Amino acid sequence: MKNTFESTETVKSGLLKQNYISSDEISTIVYLANKLNKPLLCEGPAGVGKTELAKAIAGATGRELIRLQCYEGLDESKALYEWEYSKQLLYTQLLRDKLNDTLGKAESLSEAADKLAAEEDVFFSSRFLLQRPLLKAILSDKPVVLLIDEIDRADAEFEAFLLEVLSDFQVSIPELGTLSAKHKPIVILTSNNMRELSEALKRRCLYLFIDYPDLEAELAVVRLKVPDLNPKLARQAVEFVQRLRGADLRKSPSISETLDWANALVALNAHNLENNILQDTLSILLKHESDLQKTKRLLMAPPPPRQNPDSYRKFSGN
């Protein structure tokens, strides 16, 4: 197994090899989460790279990534395990003749019960256990990275259940007893701040807030992920996205949308951020009609004379 967590510097270099540009803060908190054996809770706007961080950690450490995508109504059976009763019943029917033969040799009802009890492991075993992400992470033969994605989408009841699992990394299954983790996984939880998480959950985790990057940091990401984009155009594009985030929009463009836009500019063989290109590709950055219309109006309107001459430049690449 790779070990890139010996220091904050090796964390940063390990993540960079996975094409993830890490700040000093991110590298430090990831290092400490591993060193202190604590789950890492990453909060921030959607699309700033929280899920990508978990993927990069898995790649850097050579571990399998097991992902639990949270949503409203998620419960234990979907997150932990399900017992396949239909499969168990089918198994019993297929072995009926063998079972009758075994019990038929008993000389008394008590002896038949004893013989049946001796075969319980056949009918109550892990072969009928359908592992969901949490149990899969606990029972894995090798260390893994467990990503609990968008925990804020799940109900508070599921969050409370999750506290028990994260505390001991063991689960009790009536048919099999208590199962404990062979290797404690690296746990990453992400949240888009759709609802306030409990203090109990936050206490059990190291906390990391990932915000939109500044211009130079986002430009570095674009250059790394979209190397074919003209350097001058790359800067123009990132500057434009940064200005959009400072505007009063319903939904600011995420880093992933910046990268989509950068790839689109490469596909269009663009060399400058001209007004017609902006008009035609804005929908890659903005996903709400009100934001599109507001931005297009500002792009089309000429700057007012002698009043706020920067208002046009705020949205244009000129």
C-alpha atoms as a PDB file:
ATOM      1  CA  MET A   1       0.000   0.000   0.000  1.00  0.00           C
ATOM      2  CA  LYS A   2       1.227   3.443  -0.894  1.00  0.00           C
ATOM      3  CA  ASN A   3       1.987   5.794   1.976  1.00  0.00           C
ATOM      4  CA  THR A   4       1.648   9.440   0.968  1.00  0.00           C
ATOM      5  CA  PHE A   5       0.537  10.616   4.389  1.00  0.00           C
ATOM      6  CA  GLU A   6       3.899  10.831   6.145  1.00  0.00           C
ATOM      7  CA  SER A   7       3.758  14.637   6.120  1.00  0.00           C
ATOM      8  CA  THR A   8       1.690  17.490   4.749  1.00  0.00           C
ATOM      9  CA  GLU A   9       4.181  17.863   1.900  1.00  0.00           C
ATOM     10  CA  THR A  10       3.810  14.249   0.807  1.00  0.00           C
ATOM     11  CA  VAL A  11       0.026  14.582   1.027  1.00  0.00           C
ATOM     12  CA  LYS A  12       0.170  17.585  -1.314  1.00  0.00           C
ATOM     13  CA  SER A  13       2.489  15.842  -3.774  1.00  0.00           C
ATOM     14  CA  GLY A  14       0.450  12.640  -3.645  1.00  0.00           C
ATOM     15  CA  LEU A  15      -2.769  14.509  -4.431  1.00  0.00           C
ATOM     16  CA  LEU A  16      -1.039  16.440  -7.216  1.00  0.00           C
ATOM     17  CA  LYS A  17      -0.112  13.140  -8.870  1.00  0.00           C
ATOM     18  CA  GLN A  18      -3.868  12.484  -8.975  1.00  0.00           C
ATOM     19  CA  ASN A  19      -4.375  15.862 -10.721  1.00  0.00           C
ATOM     20  CA  TYR A  20      -5.751  17.445  -7.542  1.00  0.00           C
ATOM     21  CA  ILE A  21      -4.194  20.793  -6.622  1.00  0.00           C
ATOM     22  CA  SER A  22      -4.284  21.013  -2.846  1.00  0.00           C
ATOM     23  CA  SER A  23      -3.885  24.127  -0.728  1.00  0.00           C
ATOM     24  CA  ASP A  24      -1.740  24.087   2.403  1.00  0.00           C
ATOM     25  CA  GLU A  25      -4.891  23.977   4.532  1.00  0.00           C
ATOM     26  CA  ILE A  26      -6.351  21.013   2.668  1.00  0.00           C
ATOM     27  CA  SER A  27      -3.068  19.097   2.831  1.00  0.00           C
ATOM     28  CA  THR A  28      -2.728  19.775   6.554  1.00  0.00           C
ATOM     29  CA  ILE A  29      -6.262  18.690   7.453  1.00  0.00           C
ATOM     30  CA  VAL A  30      -6.057  15.550   5.287  1.00  0.00           C
ATOM     31  CA  TYR A  31      -2.754  14.658   6.953  1.00  0.00           C
ATOM     32  CA  LEU A  32      -4.194  15.216  10.438  1.00  0.00           C
ATOM     33  CA  ALA A  33      -7.374  13.256   9.696  1.00  0.00           C
ATOM     34  CA  ASN A  34      -5.231  10.275   8.749  1.00  0.00           C
ATOM     35  CA  LYS A  35      -2.773  10.771  11.622  1.00  0.00           C
ATOM     36  CA  LEU A  36      -5.523  11.125  14.239  1.00  0.00           C
ATOM     37  CA  ASN A  37      -7.665   8.423  12.636  1.00  0.00           C
ATOM     38  CA  LYS A  38     -10.677  10.741  12.412  1.00  0.00           C
ATOM     39  CA  PRO A  39     -13.360  11.106   9.721  1.00  0.00           C
ATOM     40  CA  LEU A  40     -13.012  14.212   7.573  1.00  0.00           C
ATOM     41  CA  LEU A  41     -16.082  16.397   7.013  1.00  0.00           C
ATOM     42  CA  CYS A  42     -15.760  18.614   3.917  1.00  0.00           C
ATOM     43  CA  GLU A  43     -18.313  21.389   3.505  1.00  0.00           C
ATOM     44  CA  GLY A  44     -18.657  24.013   0.813  1.00  0.00           C
ATOM     45  CA  PRO A  45     -20.583  25.010  -2.306  1.00  0.00           C
ATOM     46  CA  ALA A  46     -21.415  22.343  -4.858  1.00  0.00           C
ATOM     47  CA  GLY A  47     -18.728  21.746  -7.455  1.00  0.00           C
ATOM     48  CA  VAL A  48     -15.650  22.977  -5.560  1.00  0.00           C
ATOM     49  CA  GLY A  49     -13.926  19.587  -5.538  1.00  0.00           C
ATOM     50  CA  LYS A  50     -15.037  17.869  -2.331  1.00  0.00           C
ATOM     51  CA  THR A  51     -15.853  14.557  -4.000  1.00  0.00           C
ATOM     52  CA  GLU A  52     -12.750  14.856  -6.169  1.00  0.00           C
ATOM     53  CA  LEU A  53     -10.679  15.167  -3.004  1.00  0.00           C
ATOM     54  CA  ALA A  54     -11.942  11.784  -1.795  1.00  0.00           C
ATOM     55  CA  LYS A  55     -11.162  10.241  -5.189  1.00  0.00           C
ATOM     56  CA  ALA A  56      -7.684  11.749  -5.127  1.00  0.00           C
ATOM     57  CA  ILE A  57      -7.029  10.421  -1.621  1.00  0.00           C
ATOM     58  CA  ALA A  58      -8.067   6.936  -2.754  1.00  0.00           C
ATOM     59  CA  GLY A  59      -5.805   7.136  -5.782  1.00  0.00           C
ATOM     60  CA  ALA A  60      -2.867   8.521  -3.813  1.00  0.00           C
ATOM     61  CA  THR A  61      -3.087   5.788  -1.174  1.00  0.00           C
ATOM     62  CA  GLY A  62      -3.837   2.973  -3.600  1.00  0.00           C
ATOM     63  CA  ARG A  63      -7.115   2.195  -1.838  1.00  0.00           C
ATOM     64  CA  GLU A  64     -10.465   1.260  -3.311  1.00  0.00           C
ATOM     65  CA  LEU A  65     -13.036   4.046  -3.120  1.00  0.00           C
ATOM     66  CA  ILE A  66     -16.397   2.942  -1.737  1.00  0.00           C
ATOM     67  CA  ARG A  67     -19.059   5.613  -2.220  1.00  0.00           C
ATOM     68  CA  LEU A  68     -22.350   6.024  -0.401  1.00  0.00           C
ATOM     69  CA  GLN A  69     -24.450   8.627  -2.217  1.00  0.00           C
ATOM     70  CA  CYS A  70     -26.887  10.146   0.264  1.00  0.00           C
ATOM     71  CA  TYR A  71     -30.419  11.259  -0.555  1.00  0.00           C
ATOM     72  CA  GLU A  72     -33.672  12.004   1.224  1.00  0.00           C
ATOM     73  CA  GLY A  73     -35.208   8.793   2.548  1.00  0.00           C
ATOM     74  CA  LEU A  74     -31.939   6.850   2.696  1.00  0.00           C
ATOM     75  CA  ASP A  75     -32.180   4.185   5.410  1.00  0.00           C
ATOM     76  CA  GLU A  76     -30.099   1.418   6.960  1.00  0.00           C
ATOM     77  CA  SER A  77     -31.077  -1.242   4.451  1.00  0.00           C
ATOM     78  CA  LYS A  78     -29.836   0.860   1.533  1.00  0.00           C
ATOM     79  CA  ALA A  79     -26.666   2.001   3.289  1.00  0.00           C
ATOM     80  CA  LEU A  80     -25.667  -1.022   5.377  1.00  0.00           C
ATOM     81  CA  TYR A  81     -27.075  -4.351   4.227  1.00  0.00           C
ATOM     82  CA  GLU A  82     -30.129  -6.287   3.160  1.00  0.00           C
ATOM     83  CA  TRP A  83     -30.910  -9.881   4.042  1.00  0.00           C
ATOM     84  CA  GLU A  84     -31.941 -11.814   0.937  1.00  0.00           C
ATOM     85  CA  TYR A  85     -34.824 -13.863   2.306  1.00  0.00           C
ATOM     86  CA  SER A  86     -35.959 -14.952  -1.156  1.00  0.00           C
ATOM     87  CA  LYS A  87     -32.515 -16.350  -1.901  1.00  0.00           C
ATOM     88  CA  GLN A  88     -32.486 -18.089   1.479  1.00  0.00           C
ATOM     89  CA  LEU A  89     -35.884 -19.655   0.767  1.00  0.00           C
ATOM     90  CA  LEU A  90     -34.764 -20.830  -2.671  1.00  0.00           C
ATOM     91  CA  TYR A  91     -31.633 -22.294  -1.106  1.00  0.00           C
ATOM     92  CA  THR A  92     -33.770 -24.178   1.427  1.00  0.00           C
ATOM     93  CA  GLN A  93     -36.031 -25.567  -1.287  1.00  0.00           C
ATOM     94  CA  LEU A  94     -33.052 -26.765  -3.326  1.00  0.00           C
ATOM     95  CA  LEU A  95     -31.629 -28.562  -0.291  1.00  0.00           C
ATOM     96  CA  ARG A  96     -34.962 -29.976   0.844  1.00  0.00           C
ATOM     97  CA  ASP A  97     -34.146 -33.568  -0.125  1.00  0.00           C
ATOM     98  CA  LYS A  98     -30.803 -33.441   1.650  1.00  0.00           C
ATOM     99  CA  LEU A  99     -32.457 -31.893   4.686  1.00  0.00           C
ATOM    100  CA  ASN A 100     -35.179 -34.550   4.772  1.00  0.00           C
ATOM    101  CA  ASP A 101     -32.538 -37.251   4.536  1.00  0.00           C
ATOM    102  CA  THR A 102     -30.605 -35.746   7.459  1.00  0.00           C
ATOM    103  CA  LEU A 103     -33.643 -35.306   9.672  1.00  0.00           C
ATOM    104  CA  GLY A 104     -35.086 -38.691   8.659  1.00  0.00           C
ATOM    105  CA  LYS A 105     -32.210 -40.467  10.358  1.00  0.00           C
ATOM    106  CA  ALA A 106     -33.078 -38.917  13.720  1.00  0.00           C
ATOM    107  CA  GLU A 107     -34.651 -41.264  16.223  1.00  0.00           C
ATOM    108  CA  SER A 108     -36.508 -38.567  18.126  1.00  0.00           C
ATOM    109  CA  LEU A 109     -37.859 -35.055  17.699  1.00  0.00           C
ATOM    110  CA  SER A 110     -35.152 -33.741  20.027  1.00  0.00           C
ATOM    111  CA  GLU A 111     -32.405 -35.356  17.958  1.00  0.00           C
ATOM    112  CA  ALA A 112     -33.942 -33.933  14.773  1.00  0.00           C
ATOM    113  CA  ALA A 113     -33.888 -30.469  16.332  1.00  0.00           C
ATOM    114  CA  ASP A 114     -30.234 -30.928  17.262  1.00  0.00           C
ATOM    115  CA  LYS A 115     -29.364 -32.017  13.736  1.00  0.00           C
ATOM    116  CA  LEU A 116     -31.203 -29.046  12.286  1.00  0.00           C
ATOM    117  CA  ALA A 117     -29.398 -26.680  14.680  1.00  0.00           C
ATOM    118  CA  ALA A 118     -26.077 -28.112  13.529  1.00  0.00           C
ATOM    119  CA  GLU A 119     -26.902 -27.018   9.979  1.00  0.00           C
ATOM    120  CA  GLU A 120     -27.863 -23.445  10.870  1.00  0.00           C
ATOM    121  CA  ASP A 121     -24.606 -22.044   9.496  1.00  0.00           C
ATOM    122  CA  VAL A 122     -25.678 -23.231   6.059  1.00  0.00           C
ATOM    123  CA  PHE A 123     -28.936 -21.282   6.145  1.00  0.00           C
ATOM    124  CA  PHE A 124     -27.754 -18.228   8.138  1.00  0.00           C
ATOM    125  CA  SER A 125     -24.503 -17.184   6.504  1.00  0.00           C
ATOM    126  CA  SER A 126     -22.975 -14.277   4.620  1.00  0.00           C
ATOM    127  CA  ARG A 127     -24.045 -15.847   1.317  1.00  0.00           C
ATOM    128  CA  PHE A 128     -27.502 -14.347   1.932  1.00  0.00           C
ATOM    129  CA  LEU A 129     -26.134 -10.955   2.968  1.00  0.00           C
ATOM    130  CA  LEU A 130     -26.327  -8.233   0.329  1.00  0.00           C
ATOM    131  CA  GLN A 131     -23.627  -5.751   1.280  1.00  0.00           C
ATOM    132  CA  ARG A 132     -24.312  -2.064   0.855  1.00  0.00           C
ATOM    133  CA  PRO A 133     -21.497   0.545   0.924  1.00  0.00           C
ATOM    134  CA  LEU A 134     -21.143   0.877   4.724  1.00  0.00           C
ATOM    135  CA  LEU A 135     -20.929  -2.863   5.373  1.00  0.00           C
ATOM    136  CA  LYS A 136     -18.711  -3.359   2.334  1.00  0.00           C
ATOM    137  CA  ALA A 137     -16.245  -0.848   3.787  1.00  0.00           C
ATOM    138  CA  ILE A 138     -16.352  -2.550   7.189  1.00  0.00           C
ATOM    139  CA  LEU A 139     -15.840  -6.085   5.848  1.00  0.00           C
ATOM    140  CA  SER A 140     -13.265  -5.250   3.181  1.00  0.00           C
ATOM    141  CA  ASP A 141     -10.147  -7.416   3.330  1.00  0.00           C
ATOM    142  CA  LYS A 142      -8.061  -4.380   2.387  1.00  0.00           C
ATOM    143  CA  PRO A 143      -8.081  -0.795   3.703  1.00  0.00           C
ATOM    144  CA  VAL A 144     -10.453   1.423   1.723  1.00  0.00           C
ATOM    145  CA  VAL A 145     -11.590   5.015   1.450  1.00  0.00           C
ATOM    146  CA  LEU A 146     -15.257   5.417   2.393  1.00  0.00           C
ATOM    147  CA  LEU A 147     -16.921   8.443   0.801  1.00  0.00           C
ATOM    148  CA  ILE A 148     -20.245   9.444   2.342  1.00  0.00           C
ATOM    149  CA  ASP A 149     -21.295  11.946  -0.283  1.00  0.00           C
ATOM    150  CA  GLU A 150     -23.740  14.812   0.368  1.00  0.00           C
ATOM    151  CA  ILE A 151     -24.629  13.743   3.910  1.00  0.00           C
ATOM    152  CA  ASP A 152     -26.749  16.896   4.197  1.00  0.00           C
ATOM    153  CA  ARG A 153     -29.254  15.362   1.755  1.00  0.00           C
ATOM    154  CA  ALA A 154     -29.989  12.488   4.138  1.00  0.00           C
ATOM    155  CA  ASP A 155     -32.457  12.748   7.013  1.00  0.00           C
ATOM    156  CA  ALA A 156     -31.409  13.570  10.560  1.00  0.00           C
ATOM    157  CA  GLU A 157     -32.436  10.037  11.596  1.00  0.00           C
ATOM    158  CA  PHE A 158     -29.925   8.516   9.197  1.00  0.00           C
ATOM    159  CA  GLU A 159     -27.270  10.904  10.428  1.00  0.00           C
ATOM    160  CA  ALA A 160     -27.893   9.648  13.991  1.00  0.00           C
ATOM    161  CA  PHE A 161     -27.562   6.032  12.814  1.00  0.00           C
ATOM    162  CA  LEU A 162     -24.331   6.923  11.056  1.00  0.00           C
ATOM    163  CA  LEU A 163     -22.832   8.182  14.316  1.00  0.00           C
ATOM    164  CA  GLU A 164     -22.960   4.662  15.767  1.00  0.00           C
ATOM    165  CA  VAL A 165     -21.281   3.117  12.741  1.00  0.00           C
ATOM    166  CA  LEU A 166     -18.516   5.736  12.623  1.00  0.00           C
ATOM    167  CA  SER A 167     -17.832   5.407  16.356  1.00  0.00           C
ATOM    168  CA  ASP A 168     -17.013   1.682  16.453  1.00  0.00           C
ATOM    169  CA  PHE A 169     -16.965   0.531  12.824  1.00  0.00           C
ATOM    170  CA  GLN A 170     -18.943  -2.509  13.766  1.00  0.00           C
ATOM    171  CA  VAL A 171     -22.526  -3.562  13.122  1.00  0.00           C
ATOM    172  CA  SER A 172     -24.832  -6.112  14.691  1.00  0.00           C
ATOM    173  CA  ILE A 173     -26.695  -8.384  12.302  1.00  0.00           C
ATOM    174  CA  PRO A 174     -29.321 -10.559  14.013  1.00  0.00           C
ATOM    175  CA  GLU A 175     -28.654 -13.538  11.781  1.00  0.00           C
ATOM    176  CA  LEU A 176     -24.855 -13.386  12.101  1.00  0.00           C
ATOM    177  CA  GLY A 177     -23.972 -11.448  15.248  1.00  0.00           C
ATOM    178  CA  THR A 178     -21.556  -8.502  15.521  1.00  0.00           C
ATOM    179  CA  LEU A 179     -19.236  -7.822  12.587  1.00  0.00           C
ATOM    180  CA  SER A 180     -16.219  -5.560  13.147  1.00  0.00           C
ATOM    181  CA  ALA A 181     -14.009  -3.781  10.623  1.00  0.00           C
ATOM    182  CA  LYS A 182     -10.908  -5.684   9.592  1.00  0.00           C
ATOM    183  CA  HIS A 183      -9.281  -2.383   8.611  1.00  0.00           C
ATOM    184  CA  LYS A 184     -10.589   1.005   9.690  1.00  0.00           C
ATOM    185  CA  PRO A 185     -11.306   2.953   6.502  1.00  0.00           C
ATOM    186  CA  ILE A 186     -10.380   6.530   5.710  1.00  0.00           C
ATOM    187  CA  VAL A 187     -13.761   8.265   5.923  1.00  0.00           C
ATOM    188  CA  ILE A 188     -14.638  11.394   3.947  1.00  0.00           C
ATOM    189  CA  LEU A 189     -18.038  13.051   4.380  1.00  0.00           C
ATOM    190  CA  THR A 190     -19.140  15.861   2.089  1.00  0.00           C
ATOM    191  CA  SER A 191     -21.863  18.457   2.548  1.00  0.00           C
ATOM    192  CA  ASN A 192     -23.208  21.227   0.322  1.00  0.00           C
ATOM    193  CA  ASN A 193     -24.750  23.036   3.319  1.00  0.00           C
ATOM    194  CA  MET A 194     -28.312  22.196   2.296  1.00  0.00           C
ATOM    195  CA  ARG A 195     -29.117  21.749   5.978  1.00  0.00           C
ATOM    196  CA  GLU A 196     -27.275  22.192   9.250  1.00  0.00           C
ATOM    197  CA  LEU A 197     -25.522  19.039  10.401  1.00  0.00           C
ATOM    198  CA  SER A 198     -25.656  17.968  14.029  1.00  0.00           C
ATOM    199  CA  GLU A 199     -23.002  19.055  16.487  1.00  0.00           C
ATOM    200  CA  ALA A 200     -22.578  15.395  17.429  1.00  0.00           C
ATOM    201  CA  LEU A 201     -21.467  14.537  13.897  1.00  0.00           C
ATOM    202  CA  LYS A 202     -19.158  17.536  13.657  1.00  0.00           C
ATOM    203  CA  ARG A 203     -17.509  16.656  16.967  1.00  0.00           C
ATOM    204  CA  ARG A 204     -16.528  13.260  15.615  1.00  0.00           C
ATOM    205  CA  CYS A 205     -14.902  14.699  12.505  1.00  0.00           C
ATOM    206  CA  LEU A 206     -12.139  17.030  11.507  1.00  0.00           C
ATOM    207  CA  TYR A 207     -13.739  19.917   9.642  1.00  0.00           C
ATOM    208  CA  LEU A 208     -12.637  21.373   6.318  1.00  0.00           C
ATOM    209  CA  PHE A 209     -14.436  24.136   4.446  1.00  0.00           C
ATOM    210  CA  ILE A 210     -13.610  24.236   0.738  1.00  0.00           C
ATOM    211  CA  ASP A 211     -14.680  27.447  -0.970  1.00  0.00           C
ATOM    212  CA  TYR A 212     -14.382  28.659  -4.548  1.00  0.00           C
ATOM    213  CA  PRO A 213     -10.682  29.160  -5.341  1.00  0.00           C
ATOM    214  CA  ASP A 214      -9.107  32.517  -6.036  1.00  0.00           C
ATOM    215  CA  LEU A 215      -8.104  33.456  -9.556  1.00  0.00           C
ATOM    216  CA  GLU A 216      -4.589  32.022  -9.545  1.00  0.00           C
ATOM    217  CA  ALA A 217      -5.661  28.759  -7.897  1.00  0.00           C
ATOM    218  CA  GLU A 218      -8.495  28.221 -10.365  1.00  0.00           C
ATOM    219  CA  LEU A 219      -6.236  29.136 -13.266  1.00  0.00           C
ATOM    220  CA  ALA A 220      -3.778  26.472 -12.093  1.00  0.00           C
ATOM    221  CA  VAL A 221      -6.599  23.906 -12.086  1.00  0.00           C
ATOM    222  CA  VAL A 222      -7.651  24.883 -15.617  1.00  0.00           C
ATOM    223  CA  ARG A 223      -4.086  24.671 -16.895  1.00  0.00           C
ATOM    224  CA  LEU A 224      -3.678  21.256 -15.298  1.00  0.00           C
ATOM    225  CA  LYS A 225      -6.994  19.801 -16.462  1.00  0.00           C
ATOM    226  CA  VAL A 226      -7.285  21.532 -19.854  1.00  0.00           C
ATOM    227  CA  PRO A 227      -3.702  21.909 -21.066  1.00  0.00           C
ATOM    228  CA  ASP A 228      -4.778  22.512 -24.684  1.00  0.00           C
ATOM    229  CA  LEU A 229      -6.456  25.825 -23.842  1.00  0.00           C
ATOM    230  CA  ASN A 230      -4.506  28.872 -24.972  1.00  0.00           C
ATOM    231  CA  PRO A 231      -2.845  30.391 -21.827  1.00  0.00           C
ATOM    232  CA  LYS A 232      -4.122  33.889 -22.611  1.00  0.00           C
ATOM    233  CA  LEU A 233      -7.656  32.619 -23.168  1.00  0.00           C
ATOM    234  CA  ALA A 234      -7.422  30.481 -20.030  1.00  0.00           C
ATOM    235  CA  ARG A 235      -6.763  33.578 -17.942  1.00  0.00           C
ATOM    236  CA  GLN A 236      -9.547  35.517 -19.666  1.00  0.00           C
ATOM    237  CA  ALA A 237     -11.971  32.666 -19.039  1.00  0.00           C
ATOM    238  CA  VAL A 238     -11.090  32.300 -15.362  1.00  0.00           C
ATOM    239  CA  GLU A 239     -11.249  36.053 -14.822  1.00  0.00           C
ATOM    240  CA  PHE A 240     -14.728  36.057 -16.353  1.00  0.00           C
ATOM    241  CA  VAL A 241     -15.887  33.186 -14.115  1.00  0.00           C
ATOM    242  CA  GLN A 242     -14.485  34.975 -11.075  1.00  0.00           C
ATOM    243  CA  ARG A 243     -16.490  38.089 -12.004  1.00  0.00           C
ATOM    244  CA  LEU A 244     -19.633  36.014 -12.415  1.00  0.00           C
ATOM    245  CA  ARG A 245     -19.205  34.663  -8.890  1.00  0.00           C
ATOM    246  CA  GLY A 246     -19.131  38.218  -7.619  1.00  0.00           C
ATOM    247  CA  ALA A 247     -22.448  39.022  -9.292  1.00  0.00           C
ATOM    248  CA  ASP A 248     -25.894  38.597  -7.787  1.00  0.00           C
ATOM    249  CA  LEU A 249     -26.736  35.266  -9.420  1.00  0.00           C
ATOM    250  CA  ARG A 250     -28.999  32.452  -8.305  1.00  0.00           C
ATOM    251  CA  LYS A 251     -26.220  29.887  -8.787  1.00  0.00           C
ATOM    252  CA  SER A 252     -22.570  30.735  -9.291  1.00  0.00           C
ATOM    253  CA  PRO A 253     -20.596  28.562 -11.712  1.00  0.00           C
ATOM    254  CA  SER A 254     -18.637  25.752 -10.046  1.00  0.00           C
ATOM    255  CA  ILE A 255     -15.084  24.665 -10.814  1.00  0.00           C
ATOM    256  CA  SER A 256     -16.430  21.705 -12.768  1.00  0.00           C
ATOM    257  CA  GLU A 257     -18.451  24.112 -14.930  1.00  0.00           C
ATOM    258  CA  THR A 258     -15.351  26.242 -15.455  1.00  0.00           C
ATOM    259  CA  LEU A 259     -13.572  23.132 -16.724  1.00  0.00           C
ATOM    260  CA  ASP A 260     -16.512  22.227 -18.972  1.00  0.00           C
ATOM    261  CA  TRP A 261     -16.409  25.737 -20.411  1.00  0.00           C
ATOM    262  CA  ALA A 262     -12.642  25.569 -20.908  1.00  0.00           C
ATOM    263  CA  ASN A 263     -13.036  22.291 -22.814  1.00  0.00           C
ATOM    264  CA  ALA A 264     -15.800  23.873 -24.884  1.00  0.00           C
ATOM    265  CA  LEU A 265     -13.518  26.784 -25.822  1.00  0.00           C
ATOM    266  CA  VAL A 266     -10.892  24.287 -26.971  1.00  0.00           C
ATOM    267  CA  ALA A 267     -13.500  22.404 -29.014  1.00  0.00           C
ATOM    268  CA  LEU A 268     -14.584  25.680 -30.659  1.00  0.00           C
ATOM    269  CA  ASN A 269     -10.951  26.515 -31.440  1.00  0.00           C
ATOM    270  CA  ALA A 270     -11.416  29.873 -29.720  1.00  0.00           C
ATOM    271  CA  HIS A 271      -8.443  32.213 -29.356  1.00  0.00           C
ATOM    272  CA  ASN A 272     -10.059  35.173 -27.587  1.00  0.00           C
ATOM    273  CA  LEU A 273     -13.040  35.606 -25.330  1.00  0.00           C
ATOM    274  CA  GLU A 274     -15.133  37.460 -27.894  1.00  0.00           C
ATOM    275  CA  ASN A 275     -18.663  38.617 -27.210  1.00  0.00           C
ATOM    276  CA  ASN A 276     -20.309  36.173 -29.605  1.00  0.00           C
ATOM    277  CA  ILE A 277     -18.501  33.242 -27.976  1.00  0.00           C
ATOM    278  CA  LEU A 278     -19.659  34.426 -24.553  1.00  0.00           C
ATOM    279  CA  GLN A 279     -23.247  34.690 -25.762  1.00  0.00           C
ATOM    280  CA  ASP A 280     -23.224  31.234 -27.331  1.00  0.00           C
ATOM    281  CA  THR A 281     -21.548  29.365 -24.467  1.00  0.00           C
ATOM    282  CA  LEU A 282     -22.936  31.045 -21.343  1.00  0.00           C
ATOM    283  CA  SER A 283     -25.302  28.132 -20.720  1.00  0.00           C
ATOM    284  CA  ILE A 284     -22.303  25.939 -19.931  1.00  0.00           C
ATOM    285  CA  LEU A 285     -21.561  28.159 -16.947  1.00  0.00           C
ATOM    286  CA  LEU A 286     -25.043  29.247 -15.875  1.00  0.00           C
ATOM    287  CA  LYS A 287     -27.825  26.710 -15.400  1.00  0.00           C
ATOM    288  CA  HIS A 288     -30.738  28.994 -14.521  1.00  0.00           C
ATOM    289  CA  GLU A 289     -32.594  31.037 -17.118  1.00  0.00           C
ATOM    290  CA  SER A 290     -32.781  34.097 -14.860  1.00  0.00           C
ATOM    291  CA  ASP A 291     -28.980  34.092 -14.502  1.00  0.00           C
ATOM    292  CA  LEU A 292     -28.539  33.667 -18.258  1.00  0.00           C
ATOM    293  CA  GLN A 293     -30.889  36.516 -19.133  1.00  0.00           C
ATOM    294  CA  LYS A 294     -29.378  38.862 -16.548  1.00  0.00           C
ATOM    295  CA  THR A 295     -25.851  38.210 -17.758  1.00  0.00           C
ATOM    296  CA  LYS A 296     -26.754  38.478 -21.433  1.00  0.00           C
ATOM    297  CA  ARG A 297     -28.441  41.846 -20.823  1.00  0.00           C
ATOM    298  CA  LEU A 298     -25.310  43.142 -19.153  1.00  0.00           C
ATOM    299  CA  LEU A 299     -23.136  41.828 -21.965  1.00  0.00           C
ATOM    300  CA  MET A 300     -25.284  43.482 -24.650  1.00  0.00           C
ATOM    301  CA  ALA A 301     -25.806  46.819 -22.904  1.00  0.00           C
ATOM    302  CA  PRO A 302     -23.226  49.512 -23.708  1.00  0.00           C
ATOM    303  CA  PRO A 303     -21.477  51.062 -20.717  1.00  0.00           C
ATOM    304  CA  PRO A 304     -23.304  54.156 -19.422  1.00  0.00           C
ATOM    305  CA  PRO A 305     -21.437  57.392 -20.255  1.00  0.00           C
ATOM    306  CA  ARG A 306     -19.413  58.924 -17.415  1.00  0.00           C
ATOM    307  CA  GLN A 307     -21.064  56.604 -14.871  1.00  0.00           C
ATOM    308  CA  ASN A 308     -19.493  53.435 -13.567  1.00  0.00           C
ATOM    309  CA  PRO A 309     -17.425  52.716 -16.695  1.00  0.00           C
ATOM    310  CA  ASP A 310     -16.403  49.327 -15.289  1.00  0.00           C
ATOM    311  CA  SER A 311     -19.930  47.912 -15.313  1.00  0.00           C
ATOM    312  CA  TYR A 312     -19.534  46.509 -18.818  1.00  0.00           C
ATOM    313  CA  ARG A 313     -16.072  45.176 -18.168  1.00  0.00           C
ATOM    314  CA  LYS A 314     -17.430  43.369 -15.151  1.00  0.00           C
ATOM    315  CA  PHE A 315     -18.955  40.774 -17.435  1.00  0.00           C
ATOM    316  CA  SER A 316     -16.928  41.120 -20.630  1.00  0.00           C
ATOM    317  CA  GLY A 317     -13.474  39.964 -21.403  1.00  0.00           C
ATOM    318  CA  ASN A 318     -12.589  43.363 -22.881  1.00  0.00           C
END
